[in-house]
PDB file of all heavy atoms in Angstrom:
ATOM      1  N   GLY A   1       0.809  -1.198   0.000  1.00  0.00           N
ATOM      2  CA  GLY A   1       0.000   0.000   0.000  1.00  0.00           C
ATOM      3  C   GLY A   1       0.849   1.256   0.000  1.00  0.00           C
ATOM      4  O   GLY A   1       0.478   2.270  -0.610  1.00  0.00           O
ATOM      5  N   SER A   2       1.994   1.205   0.672  1.00  0.00           N
ATOM      6  CA  SER A   2       2.880   2.362   0.703  1.00  0.00           C
ATOM      7  C   SER A   2       3.373   2.717  -0.694  1.00  0.00           C
ATOM      8  O   SER A   2       3.362   3.887  -1.094  1.00  0.00           O
ATOM      9  CB  SER A   2       4.074   2.084   1.621  1.00  0.00           C
ATOM     10  OG  SER A   2       4.992   3.163   1.599  1.00  0.00           O
ATOM     11  N   VAL A   3       3.813   1.710  -1.450  1.00  0.00           N
ATOM     12  CA  VAL A   3       4.284   1.951  -2.813  1.00  0.00           C
ATOM     13  C   VAL A   3       3.152   2.497  -3.677  1.00  0.00           C
ATOM     14  O   VAL A   3       3.333   3.453  -4.446  1.00  0.00           O
ATOM     15  CB  VAL A   3       4.864   0.654  -3.426  1.00  0.00           C
ATOM     16  CG1 VAL A   3       5.029   0.787  -4.934  1.00  0.00           C
ATOM     17  CG2 VAL A   3       6.198   0.318  -2.780  1.00  0.00           C
ATOM     18  N   LYS A   4       1.974   1.941  -3.545  1.00  0.00           N
ATOM     19  CA  LYS A   4       0.836   2.416  -4.340  1.00  0.00           C
ATOM     20  C   LYS A   4       0.510   3.866  -4.007  1.00  0.00           C
ATOM     21  O   LYS A   4       0.165   4.657  -4.895  1.00  0.00           O
ATOM     22  CB  LYS A   4      -0.380   1.524  -4.086  1.00  0.00           C
ATOM     23  CG  LYS A   4      -0.215   0.101  -4.619  1.00  0.00           C
ATOM     24  CD  LYS A   4      -1.387  -0.788  -4.225  1.00  0.00           C
ATOM     25  CE  LYS A   4      -1.187  -2.205  -4.728  1.00  0.00           C
ATOM     26  NZ  LYS A   4      -2.288  -3.107  -4.294  1.00  0.00           N
ATOM     27  N   LEU A   5       0.633   4.224  -2.727  1.00  0.00           N
ATOM     28  CA  LEU A   5       0.365   5.598  -2.310  1.00  0.00           C
ATOM     29  C   LEU A   5       1.375   6.553  -2.934  1.00  0.00           C
ATOM     30  O   LEU A   5       1.011   7.623  -3.436  1.00  0.00           O
ATOM     31  CB  LEU A   5       0.420   5.695  -0.780  1.00  0.00           C
ATOM     32  CG  LEU A   5      -0.137   6.977  -0.165  1.00  0.00           C
ATOM     33  CD1 LEU A   5      -1.667   6.940  -0.158  1.00  0.00           C
ATOM     34  CD2 LEU A   5       0.391   7.154   1.261  1.00  0.00           C
ATOM     35  N   GLU A   6       2.649   6.171  -2.899  1.00  0.00           N
ATOM     36  CA  GLU A   6       3.693   7.037  -3.446  1.00  0.00           C
ATOM     37  C   GLU A   6       3.563   7.192  -4.953  1.00  0.00           C
ATOM     38  O   GLU A   6       3.742   8.282  -5.496  1.00  0.00           O
ATOM     39  CB  GLU A   6       5.072   6.481  -3.084  1.00  0.00           C
ATOM     40  CG  GLU A   6       5.360   6.418  -1.605  1.00  0.00           C
ATOM     41  CD  GLU A   6       5.306   7.777  -0.933  1.00  0.00           C
ATOM     42  OE1 GLU A   6       5.594   8.798  -1.612  1.00  0.00           O
ATOM     43  OE2 GLU A   6       4.982   7.837   0.255  1.00  0.00           O
ATOM     44  N   LEU A   7       3.257   6.107  -5.647  1.00  0.00           N
ATOM     45  CA  LEU A   7       3.110   6.176  -7.099  1.00  0.00           C
ATOM     46  C   LEU A   7       1.903   7.036  -7.479  1.00  0.00           C
ATOM     47  O   LEU A   7       1.943   7.767  -8.479  1.00  0.00           O
ATOM     48  CB  LEU A   7       2.994   4.778  -7.693  1.00  0.00           C
ATOM     49  CG  LEU A   7       4.226   3.880  -7.523  1.00  0.00           C
ATOM     50  CD1 LEU A   7       3.967   2.508  -8.131  1.00  0.00           C
ATOM     51  CD2 LEU A   7       5.466   4.518  -8.153  1.00  0.00           C
ATOM     52  N   GLN A   8       0.852   6.959  -6.696  1.00  0.00           N
ATOM     53  CA  GLN A   8      -0.302   7.809  -6.972  1.00  0.00           C
ATOM     54  C   GLN A   8       0.049   9.281  -6.778  1.00  0.00           C
ATOM     55  O   GLN A   8      -0.379  10.148  -7.563  1.00  0.00           O
ATOM     56  CB  GLN A   8      -1.471   7.433  -6.063  1.00  0.00           C
ATOM     57  CG  GLN A   8      -2.752   8.193  -6.400  1.00  0.00           C
ATOM     58  CD  GLN A   8      -3.909   7.739  -5.546  1.00  0.00           C
ATOM     59  OE1 GLN A   8      -3.881   7.859  -4.322  1.00  0.00           O
ATOM     60  NE2 GLN A   8      -4.941   7.190  -6.183  1.00  0.00           N
ATOM     61  N   ALA A   9       0.845   9.586  -5.766  1.00  0.00           N
ATOM     62  CA  ALA A   9       1.281  10.971  -5.553  1.00  0.00           C
ATOM     63  C   ALA A   9       2.130  11.448  -6.720  1.00  0.00           C
ATOM     64  O   ALA A   9       2.055  12.622  -7.121  1.00  0.00           O
ATOM     65  CB  ALA A   9       2.043  11.095  -4.238  1.00  0.00           C
ATOM     66  N   ASP A  10       2.955  10.567  -7.294  1.00  0.00           N
ATOM     67  CA  ASP A  10       3.700  10.906  -8.502  1.00  0.00           C
ATOM     68  C   ASP A  10       2.750  11.215  -9.652  1.00  0.00           C
ATOM     69  O   ASP A  10       2.957  12.163 -10.421  1.00  0.00           O
ATOM     70  CB  ASP A  10       4.626   9.758  -8.903  1.00  0.00           C
ATOM     71  CG  ASP A  10       5.888   9.690  -8.078  1.00  0.00           C
ATOM     72  OD1 ASP A  10       6.326  10.727  -7.564  1.00  0.00           O
ATOM     73  OD2 ASP A  10       6.450   8.582  -7.954  1.00  0.00           O
ATOM     74  N   CYS A  11       1.709  10.422  -9.791  1.00  0.00           N
ATOM     75  CA  CYS A  11       0.726  10.641 -10.844  1.00  0.00           C
ATOM     76  C   CYS A  11       0.009  11.974 -10.647  1.00  0.00           C
ATOM     77  O   CYS A  11      -0.193  12.738 -11.611  1.00  0.00           O
ATOM     78  CB  CYS A  11      -0.274   9.485 -10.867  1.00  0.00           C
ATOM     79  SG  CYS A  11      -1.410   9.505 -12.274  1.00  0.00           S
ATOM     80  N   TYR A  12      -0.347  12.277  -9.427  1.00  0.00           N
ATOM     81  CA  TYR A  12      -0.996  13.562  -9.142  1.00  0.00           C
ATOM     82  C   TYR A  12      -0.058  14.730  -9.470  1.00  0.00           C
ATOM     83  O   TYR A  12      -0.510  15.791  -9.923  1.00  0.00           O
ATOM     84  CB  TYR A  12      -1.434  13.632  -7.692  1.00  0.00           C
ATOM     85  CG  TYR A  12      -2.659  12.807  -7.358  1.00  0.00           C
ATOM     86  CD1 TYR A  12      -2.985  12.511  -6.040  1.00  0.00           C
ATOM     87  CD2 TYR A  12      -3.509  12.329  -8.353  1.00  0.00           C
ATOM     88  CE1 TYR A  12      -4.122  11.769  -5.722  1.00  0.00           C
ATOM     89  CE2 TYR A  12      -4.636  11.589  -8.048  1.00  0.00           C
ATOM     90  CZ  TYR A  12      -4.936  11.314  -6.728  1.00  0.00           C
ATOM     91  OH  TYR A  12      -6.058  10.576  -6.418  1.00  0.00           O
ATOM     92  N   ALA A  13       1.240  14.551  -9.225  1.00  0.00           N
ATOM     93  CA  ALA A  13       2.208  15.585  -9.608  1.00  0.00           C
ATOM     94  C   ALA A  13       2.183  15.795 -11.112  1.00  0.00           C
ATOM     95  O   ALA A  13       2.264  16.930 -11.602  1.00  0.00           O
ATOM     96  CB  ALA A  13       3.605  15.206  -9.138  1.00  0.00           C
ATOM     97  N   GLY A  14       2.064  14.708 -11.870  1.00  0.00           N
ATOM     98  CA  GLY A  14       1.971  14.818 -13.314  1.00  0.00           C
ATOM     99  C   GLY A  14       0.693  15.504 -13.768  1.00  0.00           C
ATOM    100  O   GLY A  14       0.706  16.286 -14.733  1.00  0.00           O
ATOM    101  N   VAL A  15      -0.415  15.228 -13.091  1.00  0.00           N
ATOM    102  CA  VAL A  15      -1.685  15.884 -13.416  1.00  0.00           C
ATOM    103  C   VAL A  15      -1.559  17.395 -13.239  1.00  0.00           C
ATOM    104  O   VAL A  15      -2.012  18.181 -14.091  1.00  0.00           O
ATOM    105  CB  VAL A  15      -2.825  15.324 -12.547  1.00  0.00           C
ATOM    106  CG1 VAL A  15      -4.098  16.147 -12.717  1.00  0.00           C
ATOM    107  CG2 VAL A  15      -3.096  13.866 -12.884  1.00  0.00           C
ATOM    108  N   TRP A  16      -0.934  17.828 -12.150  1.00  0.00           N
ATOM    109  CA  TRP A  16      -0.701  19.262 -11.967  1.00  0.00           C
ATOM    110  C   TRP A  16       0.169  19.822 -13.080  1.00  0.00           C
ATOM    111  O   TRP A  16      -0.134  20.889 -13.642  1.00  0.00           O
ATOM    112  CB  TRP A  16      -0.041  19.545 -10.610  1.00  0.00           C
ATOM    113  CG  TRP A  16       0.623  20.898 -10.619  1.00  0.00           C
ATOM    114  CD1 TRP A  16      -0.003  22.105 -10.536  1.00  0.00           C
ATOM    115  CD2 TRP A  16       2.013  21.171 -10.792  1.00  0.00           C
ATOM    116  NE1 TRP A  16       0.927  23.120 -10.641  1.00  0.00           N
ATOM    117  CE2 TRP A  16       2.161  22.571 -10.801  1.00  0.00           C
ATOM    118  CE3 TRP A  16       3.146  20.365 -10.929  1.00  0.00           C
ATOM    119  CZ2 TRP A  16       3.411  23.187 -10.942  1.00  0.00           C
ATOM    120  CZ3 TRP A  16       4.393  20.969 -11.081  1.00  0.00           C
ATOM    121  CH2 TRP A  16       4.500  22.359 -11.082  1.00  0.00           C
ATOM    122  N   ALA A  17       1.255  19.105 -13.437  1.00  0.00           N
ATOM    123  CA  ALA A  17       2.161  19.593 -14.478  1.00  0.00           C
ATOM    124  C   ALA A  17       1.415  19.794 -15.795  1.00  0.00           C
ATOM    125  O   ALA A  17       1.670  20.763 -16.530  1.00  0.00           O
ATOM    126  CB  ALA A  17       3.324  18.633 -14.656  1.00  0.00           C
ATOM    127  N   TYR A  18       0.498  18.875 -16.102  1.00  0.00           N
ATOM    128  CA  TYR A  18      -0.311  18.998 -17.319  1.00  0.00           C
ATOM    129  C   TYR A  18      -1.090  20.314 -17.333  1.00  0.00           C
ATOM    130  O   TYR A  18      -1.213  20.979 -18.369  1.00  0.00           O
ATOM    131  CB  TYR A  18      -1.280  17.817 -17.397  1.00  0.00           C
ATOM    132  CG  TYR A  18      -2.334  17.938 -18.473  1.00  0.00           C
ATOM    133  CD1 TYR A  18      -2.091  17.485 -19.767  1.00  0.00           C
ATOM    134  CD2 TYR A  18      -3.582  18.506 -18.192  1.00  0.00           C
ATOM    135  CE1 TYR A  18      -3.060  17.606 -20.757  1.00  0.00           C
ATOM    136  CE2 TYR A  18      -4.556  18.631 -19.169  1.00  0.00           C
ATOM    137  CZ  TYR A  18      -4.292  18.182 -20.455  1.00  0.00           C
ATOM    138  OH  TYR A  18      -5.245  18.299 -21.426  1.00  0.00           O
ATOM    139  N   ALA A  19      -1.598  20.704 -16.174  1.00  0.00           N
ATOM    140  CA  ALA A  19      -2.479  21.875 -16.087  1.00  0.00           C
ATOM    141  C   ALA A  19      -1.757  23.157 -15.696  1.00  0.00           C
ATOM    142  O   ALA A  19      -2.360  24.233 -15.714  1.00  0.00           O
ATOM    143  CB  ALA A  19      -3.592  21.599 -15.073  1.00  0.00           C
ATOM    144  N   ALA A  20      -0.481  23.069 -15.363  1.00  0.00           N
ATOM    145  CA  ALA A  20       0.216  24.210 -14.756  1.00  0.00           C
ATOM    146  C   ALA A  20       0.207  25.453 -15.626  1.00  0.00           C
ATOM    147  O   ALA A  20       0.069  26.576 -15.126  1.00  0.00           O
ATOM    148  CB  ALA A  20       1.656  23.813 -14.419  1.00  0.00           C
ATOM    149  N   THR A  21       0.360  25.297 -16.922  1.00  0.00           N
ATOM    150  CA  THR A  21       0.396  26.461 -17.813  1.00  0.00           C
ATOM    151  C   THR A  21      -0.992  26.793 -18.369  1.00  0.00           C
ATOM    152  O   THR A  21      -1.131  27.668 -19.228  1.00  0.00           O
ATOM    153  CB  THR A  21       1.357  26.220 -18.989  1.00  0.00           C
ATOM    154  OG1 THR A  21       0.942  25.055 -19.718  1.00  0.00           O
ATOM    155  CG2 THR A  21       2.780  26.026 -18.485  1.00  0.00           C
ATOM    156  N   ARG A  22      -2.014  26.093 -17.875  1.00  0.00           N
ATOM    157  CA  ARG A  22      -3.380  26.311 -18.339  1.00  0.00           C
ATOM    158  C   ARG A  22      -4.295  26.900 -17.259  1.00  0.00           C
ATOM    159  O   ARG A  22      -5.388  27.369 -17.562  1.00  0.00           O
ATOM    160  CB  ARG A  22      -3.997  24.988 -18.803  1.00  0.00           C
ATOM    161  CG  ARG A  22      -3.296  24.324 -19.968  1.00  0.00           C
ATOM    162  CD  ARG A  22      -3.895  22.936 -20.206  1.00  0.00           C
ATOM    163  NE  ARG A  22      -3.438  22.305 -21.428  1.00  0.00           N
ATOM    164  CZ  ARG A  22      -2.364  21.546 -21.517  1.00  0.00           C
ATOM    165  NH1 ARG A  22      -1.626  21.325 -20.437  1.00  0.00           N
ATOM    166  NH2 ARG A  22      -2.019  21.010 -22.671  1.00  0.00           N
ATOM    167  N   THR A  23      -3.880  26.838 -15.997  1.00  0.00           N
ATOM    168  CA  THR A  23      -4.738  27.250 -14.882  1.00  0.00           C
ATOM    169  C   THR A  23      -4.494  28.713 -14.543  1.00  0.00           C
ATOM    170  O   THR A  23      -3.410  29.074 -14.069  1.00  0.00           O
ATOM    171  CB  THR A  23      -4.467  26.384 -13.641  1.00  0.00           C
ATOM    172  OG1 THR A  23      -4.590  24.999 -13.987  1.00  0.00           O
ATOM    173  CG2 THR A  23      -5.438  26.721 -12.525  1.00  0.00           C
ATOM    174  N   PRO A  24      -5.466  29.587 -14.755  1.00  0.00           N
ATOM    175  CA  PRO A  24      -5.245  31.017 -14.510  1.00  0.00           C
ATOM    176  C   PRO A  24      -5.285  31.369 -13.022  1.00  0.00           C
ATOM    177  O   PRO A  24      -5.979  30.736 -12.240  1.00  0.00           O
ATOM    178  CB  PRO A  24      -6.398  31.687 -15.255  1.00  0.00           C
ATOM    179  CG  PRO A  24      -7.491  30.653 -15.238  1.00  0.00           C
ATOM    180  CD  PRO A  24      -6.797  29.323 -15.330  1.00  0.00           C
ATOM    181  N   GLN A  25      -4.521  32.380 -12.674  1.00  0.00           N
ATOM    182  CA  GLN A  25      -4.614  32.978 -11.343  1.00  0.00           C
ATOM    183  C   GLN A  25      -5.844  33.865 -11.276  1.00  0.00           C
ATOM    184  O   GLN A  25      -6.163  34.575 -12.238  1.00  0.00           O
ATOM    185  CB  GLN A  25      -3.388  33.842 -11.054  1.00  0.00           C
ATOM    186  CG  GLN A  25      -2.232  33.153 -10.383  1.00  0.00           C
ATOM    187  CD  GLN A  25      -1.254  34.180  -9.851  1.00  0.00           C
ATOM    188  OE1 GLN A  25      -0.859  35.106 -10.539  1.00  0.00           O
ATOM    189  NE2 GLN A  25      -0.868  34.020  -8.597  1.00  0.00           N
ATOM    190  N   ALA A  26      -6.505  33.856 -10.145  1.00  0.00           N
ATOM    191  CA  ALA A  26      -7.680  34.707  -9.994  1.00  0.00           C
ATOM    192  C   ALA A  26      -7.309  36.184 -10.094  1.00  0.00           C
ATOM    193  O   ALA A  26      -8.063  36.998 -10.645  1.00  0.00           O
ATOM    194  CB  ALA A  26      -8.364  34.417  -8.660  1.00  0.00           C
ATOM    195  N   SER A  27      -6.142  36.561  -9.593  1.00  0.00           N
ATOM    196  CA  SER A  27      -5.761  37.975  -9.535  1.00  0.00           C
ATOM    197  C   SER A  27      -5.383  38.555 -10.889  1.00  0.00           C
ATOM    198  O   SER A  27      -5.548  39.757 -11.125  1.00  0.00           O
ATOM    199  CB  SER A  27      -4.598  38.169  -8.557  1.00  0.00           C
ATOM    200  OG  SER A  27      -3.470  37.414  -8.966  1.00  0.00           O
ATOM    201  N   THR A  28      -4.873  37.715 -11.784  1.00  0.00           N
ATOM    202  CA  THR A  28      -4.408  38.229 -13.075  1.00  0.00           C
ATOM    203  C   THR A  28      -5.183  37.671 -14.266  1.00  0.00           C
ATOM    204  O   THR A  28      -5.154  38.265 -15.347  1.00  0.00           O
ATOM    205  CB  THR A  28      -2.917  37.890 -13.293  1.00  0.00           C
ATOM    206  OG1 THR A  28      -2.767  36.461 -13.389  1.00  0.00           O
ATOM    207  CG2 THR A  28      -2.063  38.438 -12.155  1.00  0.00           C
ATOM    208  N   GLY A  29      -5.841  36.533 -14.073  1.00  0.00           N
ATOM    209  CA  GLY A  29      -6.498  35.878 -15.191  1.00  0.00           C
ATOM    210  C   GLY A  29      -5.535  35.143 -16.089  1.00  0.00           C
ATOM    211  O   GLY A  29      -5.928  34.596 -17.126  1.00  0.00           O
ATOM    212  N   ARG A  30      -4.257  35.090 -15.691  1.00  0.00           N
ATOM    213  CA  ARG A  30      -3.220  34.398 -16.468  1.00  0.00           C
ATOM    214  C   ARG A  30      -2.593  33.299 -15.623  1.00  0.00           C
ATOM    215  O   ARG A  30      -2.532  33.409 -14.392  1.00  0.00           O
ATOM    216  CB  ARG A  30      -2.114  35.376 -16.891  1.00  0.00           C
ATOM    217  CG  ARG A  30      -2.586  36.559 -17.699  1.00  0.00           C
ATOM    218  CD  ARG A  30      -1.395  37.389 -18.187  1.00  0.00           C
ATOM    219  NE  ARG A  30      -0.557  37.853 -17.081  1.00  0.00           N
ATOM    220  CZ  ARG A  30      -0.736  39.006 -16.433  1.00  0.00           C
ATOM    221  NH1 ARG A  30      -1.755  39.789 -16.750  1.00  0.00           N
ATOM    222  NH2 ARG A  30       0.090  39.366 -15.465  1.00  0.00           N
ATOM    223  N   PRO A  31      -2.097  32.238 -16.253  1.00  0.00           N
ATOM    224  CA  PRO A  31      -1.406  31.195 -15.489  1.00  0.00           C
ATOM    225  C   PRO A  31      -0.165  31.763 -14.810  1.00  0.00           C
ATOM    226  O   PRO A  31       0.552  32.588 -15.394  1.00  0.00           O
ATOM    227  CB  PRO A  31      -1.030  30.157 -16.553  1.00  0.00           C
ATOM    228  CG  PRO A  31      -1.998  30.383 -17.665  1.00  0.00           C
ATOM    229  CD  PRO A  31      -2.247  31.870 -17.678  1.00  0.00           C
ATOM    230  N   LEU A  32       0.089  31.340 -13.592  1.00  0.00           N
ATOM    231  CA  LEU A  32       1.290  31.764 -12.878  1.00  0.00           C
ATOM    232  C   LEU A  32       2.539  31.224 -13.566  1.00  0.00           C
ATOM    233  O   LEU A  32       3.562  31.897 -13.673  1.00  0.00           O
ATOM    234  CB  LEU A  32       1.223  31.275 -11.423  1.00  0.00           C
ATOM    235  CG  LEU A  32       2.421  31.532 -10.518  1.00  0.00           C
ATOM    236  CD1 LEU A  32       2.807  33.004 -10.511  1.00  0.00           C
ATOM    237  CD2 LEU A  32       2.113  31.060  -9.100  1.00  0.00           C
ATOM    238  N   ILE A  33       2.469  29.967 -14.031  1.00  0.00           N
ATOM    239  CA  ILE A  33       3.576  29.369 -14.773  1.00  0.00           C
ATOM    240  C   ILE A  33       3.305  29.560 -16.261  1.00  0.00           C
ATOM    241  O   ILE A  33       2.298  29.095 -16.788  1.00  0.00           O
ATOM    242  CB  ILE A  33       3.742  27.881 -14.432  1.00  0.00           C
ATOM    243  CG1 ILE A  33       4.101  27.725 -12.950  1.00  0.00           C
ATOM    244  CG2 ILE A  33       4.815  27.233 -15.306  1.00  0.00           C
ATOM    245  CD1 ILE A  33       4.223  26.294 -12.489  1.00  0.00           C
ATOM    246  N   THR A  34       4.194  30.269 -16.929  1.00  0.00           N
ATOM    247  CA  THR A  34       3.966  30.616 -18.330  1.00  0.00           C
ATOM    248  C   THR A  34       4.601  29.636 -19.297  1.00  0.00           C
ATOM    249  O   THR A  34       4.202  29.562 -20.459  1.00  0.00           O
ATOM    250  CB  THR A  34       4.524  32.018 -18.625  1.00  0.00           C
ATOM    251  OG1 THR A  34       5.936  32.037 -18.361  1.00  0.00           O
ATOM    252  CG2 THR A  34       3.833  33.058 -17.755  1.00  0.00           C
ATOM    253  N   SER A  35       5.604  28.862 -18.821  1.00  0.00           N
ATOM    254  CA  SER A  35       6.304  27.976 -19.737  1.00  0.00           C
ATOM    255  C   SER A  35       6.845  26.754 -19.020  1.00  0.00           C
ATOM    256  O   SER A  35       7.505  26.868 -17.987  1.00  0.00           O
ATOM    257  CB  SER A  35       7.478  28.730 -20.400  1.00  0.00           C
ATOM    258  OG  SER A  35       8.270  27.847 -21.178  1.00  0.00           O
ATOM    259  N   LEU A  36       6.544  25.577 -19.574  1.00  0.00           N
ATOM    260  CA  LEU A  36       7.186  24.320 -19.187  1.00  0.00           C
ATOM    261  C   LEU A  36       7.682  23.669 -20.470  1.00  0.00           C
ATOM    262  O   LEU A  36       6.895  23.378 -21.369  1.00  0.00           O
ATOM    263  CB  LEU A  36       6.205  23.374 -18.479  1.00  0.00           C
ATOM    264  CG  LEU A  36       5.907  23.609 -17.003  1.00  0.00           C
ATOM    265  CD1 LEU A  36       4.946  22.538 -16.484  1.00  0.00           C
ATOM    266  CD2 LEU A  36       7.191  23.603 -16.184  1.00  0.00           C
ATOM    267  N   THR A  37       8.954  23.446 -20.563  1.00  0.00           N
ATOM    268  CA  THR A  37       9.545  22.871 -21.766  1.00  0.00           C
ATOM    269  C   THR A  37       9.708  21.365 -21.630  1.00  0.00           C
ATOM    270  O   THR A  37       9.566  20.792 -20.538  1.00  0.00           O
ATOM    271  CB  THR A  37      10.923  23.487 -22.037  1.00  0.00           C
ATOM    272  OG1 THR A  37      11.825  23.086 -20.981  1.00  0.00           O
ATOM    273  CG2 THR A  37      10.839  25.018 -22.073  1.00  0.00           C
ATOM    274  N   ASP A  38      10.015  20.731 -22.746  1.00  0.00           N
ATOM    275  CA  ASP A  38      10.315  19.296 -22.720  1.00  0.00           C
ATOM    276  C   ASP A  38      11.498  19.018 -21.792  1.00  0.00           C
ATOM    277  O   ASP A  38      11.545  17.983 -21.117  1.00  0.00           O
ATOM    278  CB  ASP A  38      10.620  18.784 -24.124  1.00  0.00           C
ATOM    279  CG  ASP A  38       9.396  18.756 -25.021  1.00  0.00           C
ATOM    280  OD1 ASP A  38       8.268  18.832 -24.501  1.00  0.00           O
ATOM    281  OD2 ASP A  38       9.574  18.666 -26.255  1.00  0.00           O
ATOM    282  N   ALA A  39      12.462  19.940 -21.774  1.00  0.00           N
ATOM    283  CA  ALA A  39      13.619  19.772 -20.890  1.00  0.00           C
ATOM    284  C   ALA A  39      13.207  19.832 -19.423  1.00  0.00           C
ATOM    285  O   ALA A  39      13.766  19.114 -18.581  1.00  0.00           O
ATOM    286  CB  ALA A  39      14.668  20.845 -21.189  1.00  0.00           C
ATOM    287  N   ASP A  40      12.231  20.665 -19.095  1.00  0.00           N
ATOM    288  CA  ASP A  40      11.724  20.729 -17.718  1.00  0.00           C
ATOM    289  C   ASP A  40      11.111  19.394 -17.314  1.00  0.00           C
ATOM    290  O   ASP A  40      11.409  18.863 -16.231  1.00  0.00           O
ATOM    291  CB  ASP A  40      10.670  21.831 -17.588  1.00  0.00           C
ATOM    292  CG  ASP A  40      11.250  23.227 -17.682  1.00  0.00           C
ATOM    293  OD1 ASP A  40      12.370  23.440 -17.180  1.00  0.00           O
ATOM    294  OD2 ASP A  40      10.575  24.100 -18.257  1.00  0.00           O
ATOM    295  N   ILE A  41      10.254  18.866 -18.170  1.00  0.00           N
ATOM    296  CA  ILE A  41       9.607  17.591 -17.863  1.00  0.00           C
ATOM    297  C   ILE A  41      10.645  16.482 -17.746  1.00  0.00           C
ATOM    298  O   ILE A  41      10.559  15.624 -16.857  1.00  0.00           O
ATOM    299  CB  ILE A  41       8.552  17.246 -18.924  1.00  0.00           C
ATOM    300  CG1 ILE A  41       7.477  18.334 -18.979  1.00  0.00           C
ATOM    301  CG2 ILE A  41       7.922  15.889 -18.622  1.00  0.00           C
ATOM    302  CD1 ILE A  41       6.776  18.605 -17.670  1.00  0.00           C
ATOM    303  N   ALA A  42      11.642  16.515 -18.599  1.00  0.00           N
ATOM    304  CA  ALA A  42      12.713  15.515 -18.526  1.00  0.00           C
ATOM    305  C   ALA A  42      13.450  15.604 -17.193  1.00  0.00           C
ATOM    306  O   ALA A  42      13.838  14.576 -16.610  1.00  0.00           O
ATOM    307  CB  ALA A  42      13.688  15.711 -19.682  1.00  0.00           C
TER     308      ALA A  42
END
């Protein structure tokens, strides 16, 4: 169960990364993170 929990947390980190440049800030209406490159993901 411990391994499954950790792997799921890794997956959730990936879900955030997918949305990071798409989710706008309420204060600006723009994403806080403007760029994630292939090198960043690597």
